[in-house]
N, C-alpha and C. Protein backbone atom coordinates (compact mmCIF):
# COMPACT_ATOMS: atom_id res chain seq x y z
N UNK A 1 116.24 70.00 111.23
CA UNK A 1 115.90 69.55 109.89
C UNK A 1 115.74 70.77 108.97
N UNK A 2 116.33 70.68 107.80
CA UNK A 2 116.26 71.79 106.87
C UNK A 2 114.97 71.75 106.07
N UNK A 3 114.47 72.91 105.77
CA UNK A 3 113.26 73.06 104.98
C UNK A 3 113.56 72.77 103.52
N UNK A 4 112.67 72.04 102.85
CA UNK A 4 112.85 71.72 101.44
C UNK A 4 112.42 72.85 100.54
N UNK A 5 112.61 72.65 99.25
CA UNK A 5 112.28 73.67 98.24
C UNK A 5 110.82 74.09 98.29
N UNK A 6 109.92 73.11 98.41
CA UNK A 6 108.49 73.45 98.42
C UNK A 6 108.17 74.38 99.59
N UNK A 7 108.77 74.11 100.74
CA UNK A 7 108.55 74.96 101.91
C UNK A 7 109.10 76.36 101.70
N UNK A 8 110.27 76.47 101.07
CA UNK A 8 110.84 77.78 100.80
C UNK A 8 109.96 78.58 99.85
N UNK A 9 109.43 77.91 98.82
CA UNK A 9 108.59 78.61 97.85
C UNK A 9 107.19 78.90 98.39
N UNK A 10 106.79 78.23 99.46
CA UNK A 10 105.50 78.49 100.08
C UNK A 10 105.56 79.72 101.00
N UNK A 11 106.73 80.13 101.34
CA UNK A 11 106.89 81.27 102.26
C UNK A 11 106.47 82.59 101.64
N UNK A 12 105.85 83.43 102.46
CA UNK A 12 105.50 84.79 102.07
C UNK A 12 106.71 85.67 102.33
N UNK A 13 107.22 86.33 101.31
CA UNK A 13 108.40 87.17 101.45
C UNK A 13 108.07 88.66 101.53
N UNK A 14 106.81 88.97 101.80
CA UNK A 14 106.39 90.36 101.87
C UNK A 14 107.23 91.17 102.85
N UNK A 15 107.56 90.59 103.97
CA UNK A 15 108.32 91.30 105.00
C UNK A 15 109.82 90.97 104.96
N UNK A 16 110.28 90.31 103.92
CA UNK A 16 111.70 89.94 103.83
C UNK A 16 112.56 91.20 103.80
N UNK A 17 113.74 91.11 104.40
CA UNK A 17 114.71 92.20 104.39
C UNK A 17 115.72 91.91 103.28
N UNK A 18 115.64 92.67 102.20
CA UNK A 18 116.50 92.47 101.04
C UNK A 18 117.75 93.32 101.18
N UNK A 19 118.90 92.72 100.88
CA UNK A 19 120.18 93.39 101.03
C UNK A 19 120.93 93.31 99.70
N UNK A 20 121.47 94.46 99.28
CA UNK A 20 122.29 94.53 98.07
C UNK A 20 123.75 94.56 98.50
N UNK A 21 124.58 93.88 97.79
CA UNK A 21 126.00 93.81 98.13
C UNK A 21 126.63 95.20 98.14
N UNK A 22 127.45 95.45 99.15
CA UNK A 22 128.18 96.72 99.20
C UNK A 22 129.21 96.79 98.08
N UNK A 23 129.59 95.64 97.52
CA UNK A 23 130.56 95.59 96.42
C UNK A 23 129.97 96.09 95.10
N UNK A 24 128.64 96.19 95.02
CA UNK A 24 128.01 96.61 93.77
C UNK A 24 128.11 98.12 93.56
N UNK A 25 128.46 98.85 94.59
CA UNK A 25 128.60 100.30 94.46
C UNK A 25 127.30 100.95 94.02
N UNK A 26 127.38 101.76 92.97
CA UNK A 26 126.19 102.46 92.48
C UNK A 26 125.62 101.81 91.22
N UNK A 27 126.08 100.62 90.90
CA UNK A 27 125.56 99.94 89.71
C UNK A 27 124.11 99.56 89.91
N UNK A 28 123.25 99.85 88.95
CA UNK A 28 121.85 99.47 89.11
C UNK A 28 121.62 97.97 88.89
N UNK A 29 122.47 97.34 88.08
CA UNK A 29 122.29 95.93 87.79
C UNK A 29 122.91 95.12 88.93
N UNK A 30 122.06 94.56 89.75
CA UNK A 30 122.56 93.84 90.91
C UNK A 30 121.49 92.87 91.39
N UNK A 31 121.90 91.97 92.22
CA UNK A 31 120.94 91.09 92.87
C UNK A 31 120.84 91.47 94.34
N UNK A 32 119.71 91.15 94.92
CA UNK A 32 119.49 91.36 96.34
C UNK A 32 119.24 90.00 96.98
N UNK A 33 119.68 89.85 98.21
CA UNK A 33 119.56 88.59 98.93
C UNK A 33 118.76 88.82 100.21
N UNK A 34 117.88 87.87 100.51
CA UNK A 34 117.14 87.88 101.77
C UNK A 34 117.45 86.60 102.53
N UNK A 35 117.79 86.74 103.80
CA UNK A 35 118.07 85.59 104.66
C UNK A 35 116.73 84.99 105.07
N UNK A 36 116.56 83.70 104.79
CA UNK A 36 115.31 83.01 105.15
C UNK A 36 115.46 82.18 106.41
N UNK A 37 116.63 82.25 107.03
CA UNK A 37 116.87 81.49 108.26
C UNK A 37 117.41 80.11 107.96
N UNK A 38 118.18 79.59 108.86
CA UNK A 38 118.73 78.25 108.71
C UNK A 38 119.68 78.09 107.55
N UNK A 39 120.22 79.21 107.05
CA UNK A 39 121.14 79.16 105.92
C UNK A 39 120.47 79.28 104.57
N UNK A 40 119.15 79.23 104.51
CA UNK A 40 118.42 79.36 103.25
C UNK A 40 118.33 80.84 102.87
N UNK A 41 118.30 81.11 101.57
CA UNK A 41 118.22 82.49 101.09
C UNK A 41 117.26 82.59 99.90
N UNK A 42 116.82 83.82 99.66
CA UNK A 42 116.08 84.15 98.44
C UNK A 42 116.90 85.20 97.71
N UNK A 43 116.87 85.15 96.38
CA UNK A 43 117.62 86.07 95.53
C UNK A 43 116.65 86.72 94.55
N UNK A 44 116.80 88.02 94.34
CA UNK A 44 115.98 88.70 93.34
C UNK A 44 116.81 89.71 92.58
N UNK A 45 116.32 90.07 91.41
CA UNK A 45 116.93 91.09 90.56
C UNK A 45 116.53 92.45 91.12
N UNK A 46 117.51 93.26 91.47
CA UNK A 46 117.22 94.56 92.09
C UNK A 46 116.51 95.52 91.14
N UNK A 47 116.63 95.30 89.85
CA UNK A 47 115.99 96.17 88.87
C UNK A 47 114.66 95.63 88.36
N UNK A 48 114.31 94.41 88.73
CA UNK A 48 113.09 93.78 88.23
C UNK A 48 112.40 93.06 89.38
N UNK A 49 112.00 93.82 90.38
CA UNK A 49 111.47 93.25 91.61
C UNK A 49 110.11 92.59 91.45
N UNK A 50 109.47 92.75 90.29
CA UNK A 50 108.19 92.09 90.05
C UNK A 50 108.36 90.62 89.70
N UNK A 51 109.57 90.23 89.28
CA UNK A 51 109.83 88.81 89.00
C UNK A 51 109.91 88.05 90.32
N UNK A 52 109.45 86.81 90.34
CA UNK A 52 109.52 86.06 91.60
C UNK A 52 110.97 85.75 91.96
N UNK A 53 111.31 85.88 93.24
CA UNK A 53 112.68 85.58 93.65
C UNK A 53 112.97 84.09 93.61
N UNK A 54 114.22 83.76 93.37
CA UNK A 54 114.67 82.38 93.44
C UNK A 54 114.97 82.08 94.90
N UNK A 55 114.76 80.83 95.31
CA UNK A 55 114.99 80.45 96.70
C UNK A 55 115.92 79.24 96.75
N UNK A 56 116.86 79.28 97.66
CA UNK A 56 117.87 78.24 97.76
C UNK A 56 117.96 77.69 99.18
N UNK A 57 118.03 76.38 99.27
CA UNK A 57 118.24 75.75 100.57
C UNK A 57 119.65 76.10 101.06
N UNK A 58 119.90 75.82 102.33
CA UNK A 58 121.23 76.08 102.88
C UNK A 58 122.30 75.30 102.11
N UNK A 59 122.03 74.06 101.78
CA UNK A 59 123.00 73.25 101.04
C UNK A 59 123.27 73.83 99.66
N UNK A 60 122.23 74.24 98.96
CA UNK A 60 122.41 74.82 97.63
C UNK A 60 123.21 76.11 97.69
N UNK A 61 122.89 76.95 98.65
CA UNK A 61 123.57 78.24 98.78
C UNK A 61 125.05 78.04 99.13
N UNK A 62 125.32 77.10 100.02
CA UNK A 62 126.71 76.80 100.39
C UNK A 62 127.48 76.29 99.17
N UNK A 63 126.88 75.39 98.40
CA UNK A 63 127.54 74.85 97.21
C UNK A 63 127.81 75.96 96.20
N UNK A 64 126.88 76.87 96.02
CA UNK A 64 127.07 77.98 95.10
C UNK A 64 128.23 78.87 95.56
N UNK A 65 128.24 79.26 96.82
CA UNK A 65 129.31 80.11 97.35
C UNK A 65 130.67 79.45 97.20
N UNK A 66 130.73 78.16 97.49
CA UNK A 66 132.00 77.44 97.34
C UNK A 66 132.44 77.40 95.89
N UNK A 67 131.49 77.22 94.97
CA UNK A 67 131.81 77.22 93.55
C UNK A 67 132.35 78.56 93.08
N UNK A 68 131.78 79.64 93.59
CA UNK A 68 132.28 80.97 93.23
C UNK A 68 133.71 81.13 93.73
N UNK A 69 133.95 80.75 94.96
CA UNK A 69 135.30 80.88 95.53
C UNK A 69 136.33 80.05 94.77
N UNK A 70 135.90 78.93 94.25
CA UNK A 70 136.81 78.03 93.53
C UNK A 70 136.90 78.35 92.03
N UNK A 71 136.20 79.37 91.59
CA UNK A 71 136.28 79.80 90.20
C UNK A 71 135.50 78.96 89.22
N UNK A 72 134.50 78.22 89.67
CA UNK A 72 133.72 77.35 88.79
C UNK A 72 132.91 78.11 87.75
N UNK A 73 132.58 79.34 88.02
CA UNK A 73 131.66 80.08 87.15
C UNK A 73 132.36 81.15 86.32
N UNK A 74 133.68 81.16 86.32
CA UNK A 74 134.41 82.23 85.66
C UNK A 74 134.86 81.92 84.29
């Protein structure tokens, strides 16, 4: 069973491992992603780490990735 939004936002991300895309090169403006398990992720602004990260269920993250691949956001 997948964890819902409330459960994702209840999680403590203090020990989360944040990863910046290797495609971003040396650009400071980037997002970082943390794997929350089960396909869920958290996203944060790499330059504004004091803002709370957004959290996405596995279904939401999959839909977003598919939309990017299909050019929905371009």
